[in-house]
């Protein structure tokens, strides 16, 4: 199968003198996103040779704690959805969603 199109997602991380993120922006031209600001990013990459996950978690100094909690909750929910689509393991996906509900309840995210 020949590659007919390349796509890229670009993150710009502006650091202070201590290499702490001051600002984050990203571009995904195929998605219509150009230099969009963000307060946090989580990237996971599967290293199939080492059978291990490589991760990059960054957030800016001014990322509010309440938004970080919401960001984590939404990330966990999306991971459950993605897990179900990737594996068709409905039972474990529902277990993950149950945990997400518990997480949201304990952090008082649900109103």
C-alpha atoms as a PDB file:
ATOM      1  CA  UNK A   1       0.000   0.000   0.000  1.00  0.00           C
ATOM      2  CA  UNK A   2       1.522   3.297  -1.080  1.00  0.00           C
ATOM      3  CA  UNK A   3       1.477   6.365   1.127  1.00  0.00           C
ATOM      4  CA  UNK A   4      -0.627   8.953  -0.646  1.00  0.00           C
ATOM      5  CA  UNK A   5      -0.607  11.733   1.911  1.00  0.00           C
ATOM      6  CA  UNK A   6       1.509  12.886   4.826  1.00  0.00           C
ATOM      7  CA  UNK A   7       0.094  14.826   7.725  1.00  0.00           C
ATOM      8  CA  UNK A   8       1.758  16.450  10.684  1.00  0.00           C
ATOM      9  CA  UNK A   9       0.892  17.882  14.049  1.00  0.00           C
ATOM     10  CA  UNK A  10       3.316  20.485  15.356  1.00  0.00           C
ATOM     11  CA  UNK A  11       3.653  21.612  18.962  1.00  0.00           C
ATOM     12  CA  UNK A  12       5.465  24.793  19.924  1.00  0.00           C
ATOM     13  CA  UNK A  13       6.542  24.836  23.552  1.00  0.00           C
ATOM     14  CA  UNK A  14       7.922  28.119  24.843  1.00  0.00           C
ATOM     15  CA  UNK A  15      10.074  27.581  27.933  1.00  0.00           C
ATOM     16  CA  UNK A  16      11.339  29.898  30.626  1.00  0.00           C
ATOM     17  CA  UNK A  17      14.972  29.991  31.768  1.00  0.00           C
ATOM     18  CA  UNK A  18      14.329  26.880  33.927  1.00  0.00           C
ATOM     19  CA  UNK A  19      12.805  24.996  30.988  1.00  0.00           C
ATOM     20  CA  UNK A  20       9.294  25.240  32.448  1.00  0.00           C
ATOM     21  CA  UNK A  21       6.588  25.698  29.796  1.00  0.00           C
ATOM     22  CA  UNK A  22       5.382  29.292  29.557  1.00  0.00           C
ATOM     23  CA  UNK A  23       3.065  28.676  26.619  1.00  0.00           C
ATOM     24  CA  UNK A  24       2.014  25.869  24.315  1.00  0.00           C
ATOM     25  CA  UNK A  25       0.518  26.123  20.846  1.00  0.00           C
ATOM     26  CA  UNK A  26      -0.173  23.560  18.182  1.00  0.00           C
ATOM     27  CA  UNK A  27      -0.888  23.285  14.492  1.00  0.00           C
ATOM     28  CA  UNK A  28      -2.684  20.514  12.580  1.00  0.00           C
ATOM     29  CA  UNK A  29      -3.325  21.948   9.142  1.00  0.00           C
ATOM     30  CA  UNK A  30      -5.346  18.940   7.974  1.00  0.00           C
ATOM     31  CA  UNK A  31      -7.690  19.585  10.902  1.00  0.00           C
ATOM     32  CA  UNK A  32      -7.907  23.309  10.228  1.00  0.00           C
ATOM     33  CA  UNK A  33      -5.922  24.191  13.349  1.00  0.00           C
ATOM     34  CA  UNK A  34      -3.244  26.861  13.068  1.00  0.00           C
ATOM     35  CA  UNK A  35      -1.106  27.954  16.012  1.00  0.00           C
ATOM     36  CA  UNK A  36      -3.899  27.273  18.544  1.00  0.00           C
ATOM     37  CA  UNK A  37      -2.961  27.996  22.169  1.00  0.00           C
ATOM     38  CA  UNK A  38      -3.257  25.301  24.824  1.00  0.00           C
ATOM     39  CA  UNK A  39      -2.457  25.021  28.521  1.00  0.00           C
ATOM     40  CA  UNK A  40      -1.543  21.305  28.504  1.00  0.00           C
ATOM     41  CA  UNK A  41      -0.657  18.403  26.242  1.00  0.00           C
ATOM     42  CA  UNK A  42      -0.288  14.663  26.800  1.00  0.00           C
ATOM     43  CA  UNK A  43       1.321  12.551  24.123  1.00  0.00           C
ATOM     44  CA  UNK A  44       1.792   8.795  24.250  1.00  0.00           C
ATOM     45  CA  UNK A  45       3.809   6.928  21.647  1.00  0.00           C
ATOM     46  CA  UNK A  46       4.040   3.141  21.453  1.00  0.00           C
ATOM     47  CA  UNK A  47       7.597   1.833  21.037  1.00  0.00           C
ATOM     48  CA  UNK A  48       6.898  -1.528  19.410  1.00  0.00           C
ATOM     49  CA  UNK A  49      10.535  -2.621  19.667  1.00  0.00           C
ATOM     50  CA  UNK A  50      10.739  -2.125  23.439  1.00  0.00           C
ATOM     51  CA  UNK A  51       7.023  -2.870  23.997  1.00  0.00           C
ATOM     52  CA  UNK A  52       6.808   0.278  26.075  1.00  0.00           C
ATOM     53  CA  UNK A  53       5.000   3.598  26.045  1.00  0.00           C
ATOM     54  CA  UNK A  54       6.949   6.817  25.652  1.00  0.00           C
ATOM     55  CA  UNK A  55       5.186   9.800  27.167  1.00  0.00           C
ATOM     56  CA  UNK A  56       5.362  13.530  27.176  1.00  0.00           C
ATOM     57  CA  UNK A  57       3.129  15.431  29.601  1.00  0.00           C
ATOM     58  CA  UNK A  58       3.489  19.196  29.626  1.00  0.00           C
ATOM     59  CA  UNK A  59       1.443  22.006  31.114  1.00  0.00           C
ATOM     60  CA  UNK A  60       2.007  25.707  31.447  1.00  0.00           C
ATOM     61  CA  UNK A  61       2.700  27.470  34.722  1.00  0.00           C
ATOM     62  CA  UNK A  62      -0.682  29.134  34.584  1.00  0.00           C
ATOM     63  CA  UNK A  63      -2.737  25.965  34.010  1.00  0.00           C
ATOM     64  CA  UNK A  64      -5.458  26.185  36.677  1.00  0.00           C
ATOM     65  CA  UNK A  65      -5.733  23.152  38.964  1.00  0.00           C
ATOM     66  CA  UNK A  66      -9.489  22.838  38.375  1.00  0.00           C
ATOM     67  CA  UNK A  67      -8.887  22.725  34.611  1.00  0.00           C
ATOM     68  CA  UNK A  68      -6.105  20.148  35.081  1.00  0.00           C
ATOM     69  CA  UNK A  69      -8.536  17.916  36.982  1.00  0.00           C
ATOM     70  CA  UNK A  70     -11.095  18.279  34.201  1.00  0.00           C
ATOM     71  CA  UNK A  71      -8.412  17.634  31.556  1.00  0.00           C
ATOM     72  CA  UNK A  72      -7.400  14.395  33.292  1.00  0.00           C
ATOM     73  CA  UNK A  73     -11.001  13.272  33.647  1.00  0.00           C
ATOM     74  CA  UNK A  74     -11.786  13.917  29.994  1.00  0.00           C
ATOM     75  CA  UNK A  75      -8.564  12.160  28.966  1.00  0.00           C
ATOM     76  CA  UNK A  76      -9.505   9.086  31.005  1.00  0.00           C
ATOM     77  CA  UNK A  77     -12.996   9.016  29.444  1.00  0.00           C
ATOM     78  CA  UNK A  78     -11.553   9.292  25.941  1.00  0.00           C
ATOM     79  CA  UNK A  79      -9.077   6.503  26.724  1.00  0.00           C
ATOM     80  CA  UNK A  80     -11.976   4.231  27.684  1.00  0.00           C
ATOM     81  CA  UNK A  81     -13.723   5.076  24.400  1.00  0.00           C
ATOM     82  CA  UNK A  82     -10.568   4.508  22.368  1.00  0.00           C
ATOM     83  CA  UNK A  83      -9.844   1.245  24.192  1.00  0.00           C
ATOM     84  CA  UNK A  84     -13.309  -0.037  23.291  1.00  0.00           C
ATOM     85  CA  UNK A  85     -12.942   0.944  19.618  1.00  0.00           C
ATOM     86  CA  UNK A  86      -9.473  -0.632  19.431  1.00  0.00           C
ATOM     87  CA  UNK A  87     -10.208  -3.894  21.264  1.00  0.00           C
ATOM     88  CA  UNK A  88     -13.997  -4.396  21.257  1.00  0.00           C
ATOM     89  CA  UNK A  89     -13.593  -5.194  24.967  1.00  0.00           C
ATOM     90  CA  UNK A  90     -16.870  -3.692  26.153  1.00  0.00           C
ATOM     91  CA  UNK A  91     -16.647  -5.120  29.665  1.00  0.00           C
ATOM     92  CA  UNK A  92     -13.273  -3.528  30.448  1.00  0.00           C
ATOM     93  CA  UNK A  93     -14.296  -0.282  28.753  1.00  0.00           C
ATOM     94  CA  UNK A  94     -17.326  -0.083  31.033  1.00  0.00           C
ATOM     95  CA  UNK A  95     -15.084  -0.794  34.030  1.00  0.00           C
ATOM     96  CA  UNK A  96     -12.852   2.066  32.945  1.00  0.00           C
ATOM     97  CA  UNK A  97     -15.890   4.350  32.593  1.00  0.00           C
ATOM     98  CA  UNK A  98     -17.025   3.339  36.088  1.00  0.00           C
ATOM     99  CA  UNK A  99     -13.649   4.487  37.375  1.00  0.00           C
ATOM    100  CA  UNK A 100     -14.046   7.750  35.445  1.00  0.00           C
ATOM    101  CA  UNK A 101     -17.369   8.341  37.202  1.00  0.00           C
ATOM    102  CA  UNK A 102     -15.735   7.625  40.561  1.00  0.00           C
ATOM    103  CA  UNK A 103     -12.837   9.959  39.688  1.00  0.00           C
ATOM    104  CA  UNK A 104     -15.237  12.754  38.722  1.00  0.00           C
ATOM    105  CA  UNK A 105     -17.284  12.240  41.875  1.00  0.00           C
ATOM    106  CA  UNK A 106     -14.246  12.365  44.171  1.00  0.00           C
ATOM    107  CA  UNK A 107     -12.955  15.515  42.456  1.00  0.00           C
ATOM    108  CA  UNK A 108     -16.455  16.995  42.507  1.00  0.00           C
ATOM    109  CA  UNK A 109     -16.396  17.532  38.739  1.00  0.00           C
ATOM    110  CA  UNK A 110     -19.991  16.484  38.171  1.00  0.00           C
ATOM    111  CA  UNK A 111     -22.644  19.067  38.940  1.00  0.00           C
END
